[in-house]
Amino acid sequence: MKRDIENRADIDLLMTEFYSTAMVDSTIGYIFTDVAKLDLDRHLPIIGDFWETMLFQSGSYARHGRNPLIVHRELHQKTRLLSEHFSRWLEIFNETIDKLFSGDRSDFLKFRAGMIAARMQEFIGVSYRSKLPAIVVGDG
């Protein structure tokens, strides 16, 4: 049986696994590599702080002084982000969590990821309501 996400090291593992899949994905990989030109050595600590703040209310992301909505709007200005991109991002994110972890925190992170994907699409003006996959939380 898999354990739940317990600490920052688990979040770092999750992010490393997620980006190893997402960056080579045929639907969204180019956004990370060609458009954002993502430097993982620089990005992983920042995104780890973001998810640590989401899950453990650490406040560690605030020190970066960044707004992820603005960051993604700027990215959308470079290349049009589509609902399909967000759906694929969420699919990979959830699959990565399910591959590594199981439990209440894992379910909460998937729920938050779905809400964040929806909010980002709303913010940049992408229709999302019928496109995002349903998120199943808990045993039902």
Protein backbone atom coordinates (compact mmCIF):
# COMPACT_ATOMS: atom_id res chain seq x y z
CA MET A 1 0.00 0.00 0.00
CA LYS A 2 1.25 3.46 -0.91
CA ARG A 3 1.69 6.08 1.77
CA ASP A 4 0.38 9.62 1.70
CA ILE A 5 2.38 12.77 0.96
CA GLU A 6 4.03 13.60 4.27
CA ASN A 7 6.64 16.32 3.76
CA ARG A 8 8.62 18.53 1.41
CA ALA A 9 10.78 15.63 0.25
CA ASP A 10 7.62 13.91 -1.00
CA ILE A 11 6.57 17.06 -2.84
CA ASP A 12 10.02 17.32 -4.43
CA LEU A 13 9.78 13.70 -5.56
CA LEU A 14 6.32 14.36 -6.98
CA MET A 15 7.50 17.42 -8.90
CA THR A 16 10.58 15.66 -10.28
CA GLU A 17 8.46 12.74 -11.49
CA PHE A 18 5.77 15.02 -12.89
CA TYR A 19 8.17 17.16 -14.92
CA SER A 20 10.06 14.12 -16.22
CA THR A 21 6.79 13.07 -17.86
CA ALA A 22 5.28 16.46 -18.71
CA MET A 23 8.35 17.86 -20.44
CA VAL A 24 8.41 15.05 -23.00
CA ASP A 25 4.65 14.79 -23.43
CA SER A 26 3.46 15.20 -27.02
CA THR A 27 0.65 17.57 -26.03
CA ILE A 28 2.28 19.90 -23.50
CA GLY A 29 6.00 19.17 -23.49
CA TYR A 30 6.85 21.93 -25.95
CA ILE A 31 5.28 24.54 -23.66
CA PHE A 32 7.84 23.71 -20.98
CA THR A 33 10.83 23.21 -23.26
CA ASP A 34 10.37 25.51 -26.25
CA VAL A 35 8.13 28.30 -24.96
CA ALA A 36 8.84 28.66 -21.24
CA LYS A 37 12.37 27.26 -21.68
CA LEU A 38 12.00 25.87 -18.20
CA ASP A 39 15.20 25.53 -16.19
CA LEU A 40 14.33 22.71 -13.78
CA ASP A 41 17.22 23.47 -11.43
CA ARG A 42 15.70 26.91 -10.87
CA HIS A 43 12.02 25.99 -11.23
CA LEU A 44 11.73 22.88 -9.05
CA PRO A 45 12.45 24.69 -5.75
CA ILE A 46 9.91 27.40 -6.64
CA ILE A 47 7.17 25.00 -7.68
CA GLY A 48 7.97 22.85 -4.66
CA ASP A 49 7.41 25.90 -2.46
CA PHE A 50 4.10 26.51 -4.22
CA TRP A 51 2.75 23.00 -3.59
CA GLU A 52 4.21 22.89 -0.07
CA THR A 53 2.27 26.08 0.67
CA MET A 54 -0.89 24.57 -0.85
CA LEU A 55 -0.62 21.35 1.14
CA PHE A 56 1.01 22.35 4.42
CA GLN A 57 0.30 26.11 4.58
CA SER A 58 4.05 26.69 4.93
CA GLY A 59 3.95 30.14 3.33
CA SER A 60 7.23 29.31 1.59
CA TYR A 61 5.94 30.35 -1.84
CA ALA A 62 5.25 33.94 -0.72
CA ARG A 63 8.96 34.75 -0.55
CA HIS A 64 9.18 34.46 -4.33
CA GLY A 65 6.85 37.43 -4.83
CA ARG A 66 5.29 35.74 -7.86
CA ASN A 67 1.71 35.30 -8.87
CA PRO A 68 1.14 32.05 -10.80
CA LEU A 69 -1.86 33.57 -12.58
CA ILE A 70 0.32 36.35 -14.01
CA VAL A 71 3.08 33.89 -14.91
CA HIS A 72 0.62 31.77 -16.87
CA ARG A 73 -1.00 34.78 -18.53
CA GLU A 74 2.46 35.82 -19.77
CA LEU A 75 3.00 32.29 -21.03
CA HIS A 76 -0.41 32.42 -22.77
CA GLN A 77 0.74 35.59 -24.53
CA LYS A 78 3.72 33.69 -25.95
CA THR A 79 1.72 30.67 -27.07
CA ARG A 80 -1.99 30.15 -26.85
CA LEU A 81 -2.77 27.84 -23.95
CA LEU A 82 -5.79 25.69 -24.68
CA SER A 83 -8.18 23.77 -22.50
CA GLU A 84 -6.59 20.58 -23.83
CA HIS A 85 -3.24 21.70 -22.42
CA PHE A 86 -4.69 22.19 -18.95
CA SER A 87 -6.55 18.88 -19.15
CA ARG A 88 -3.37 17.05 -20.10
CA TRP A 89 -1.39 18.82 -17.38
CA LEU A 90 -3.98 17.77 -14.83
CA GLU A 91 -4.08 14.21 -16.14
CA ILE A 92 -0.30 13.84 -15.83
CA PHE A 93 -0.32 15.52 -12.41
CA ASN A 94 -3.00 13.18 -11.07
CA GLU A 95 -1.40 10.10 -12.61
CA THR A 96 1.92 11.02 -11.02
CA ILE A 97 0.31 11.42 -7.60
CA ASP A 98 -1.51 8.10 -7.99
CA LYS A 99 1.70 6.37 -9.07
CA LEU A 100 3.58 7.51 -5.96
CA PHE A 101 1.08 8.21 -3.17
CA SER A 102 -2.35 7.53 -1.75
CA GLY A 103 -4.31 9.21 1.01
CA ASP A 104 -6.10 12.34 2.14
CA ARG A 105 -3.27 14.75 1.31
CA SER A 106 -2.82 13.17 -2.10
CA ASP A 107 -6.54 13.54 -2.79
CA PHE A 108 -6.47 17.13 -1.55
CA LEU A 109 -3.55 17.98 -3.86
CA LYS A 110 -5.42 16.54 -6.85
CA PHE A 111 -8.50 18.55 -5.87
CA ARG A 112 -6.46 21.75 -5.54
CA ALA A 113 -4.72 21.10 -8.86
CA GLY A 114 -8.11 20.85 -10.57
CA MET A 115 -9.27 24.08 -8.97
CA ILE A 116 -6.04 25.85 -9.93
CA ALA A 117 -6.27 24.63 -13.53
CA ALA A 118 -9.85 25.91 -13.73
CA ARG A 119 -8.93 29.26 -12.19
CA MET A 120 -5.96 29.76 -14.50
CA GLN A 121 -8.11 29.06 -17.55
CA GLU A 122 -10.74 31.47 -16.32
CA PHE A 123 -8.06 34.11 -15.70
CA ILE A 124 -6.58 33.88 -19.19
CA GLY A 125 -9.96 33.53 -20.89
CA VAL A 126 -9.96 29.86 -21.86
CA SER A 127 -13.26 27.97 -21.67
CA TYR A 128 -12.77 25.02 -19.34
CA ARG A 129 -15.97 23.84 -17.73
CA SER A 130 -16.63 20.90 -20.01
CA LYS A 131 -13.01 20.06 -20.70
CA LEU A 132 -11.41 19.24 -17.34
CA PRO A 133 -11.63 15.63 -16.19
CA ALA A 134 -13.66 14.88 -13.09
CA ILE A 135 -11.66 14.58 -9.88
CA VAL A 136 -12.62 11.71 -7.59
CA VAL A 137 -11.65 12.40 -3.99
CA GLY A 138 -11.59 9.71 -1.36
CA ASP A 139 -13.27 6.32 -1.41
CA GLY A 140 -16.61 7.73 -2.51
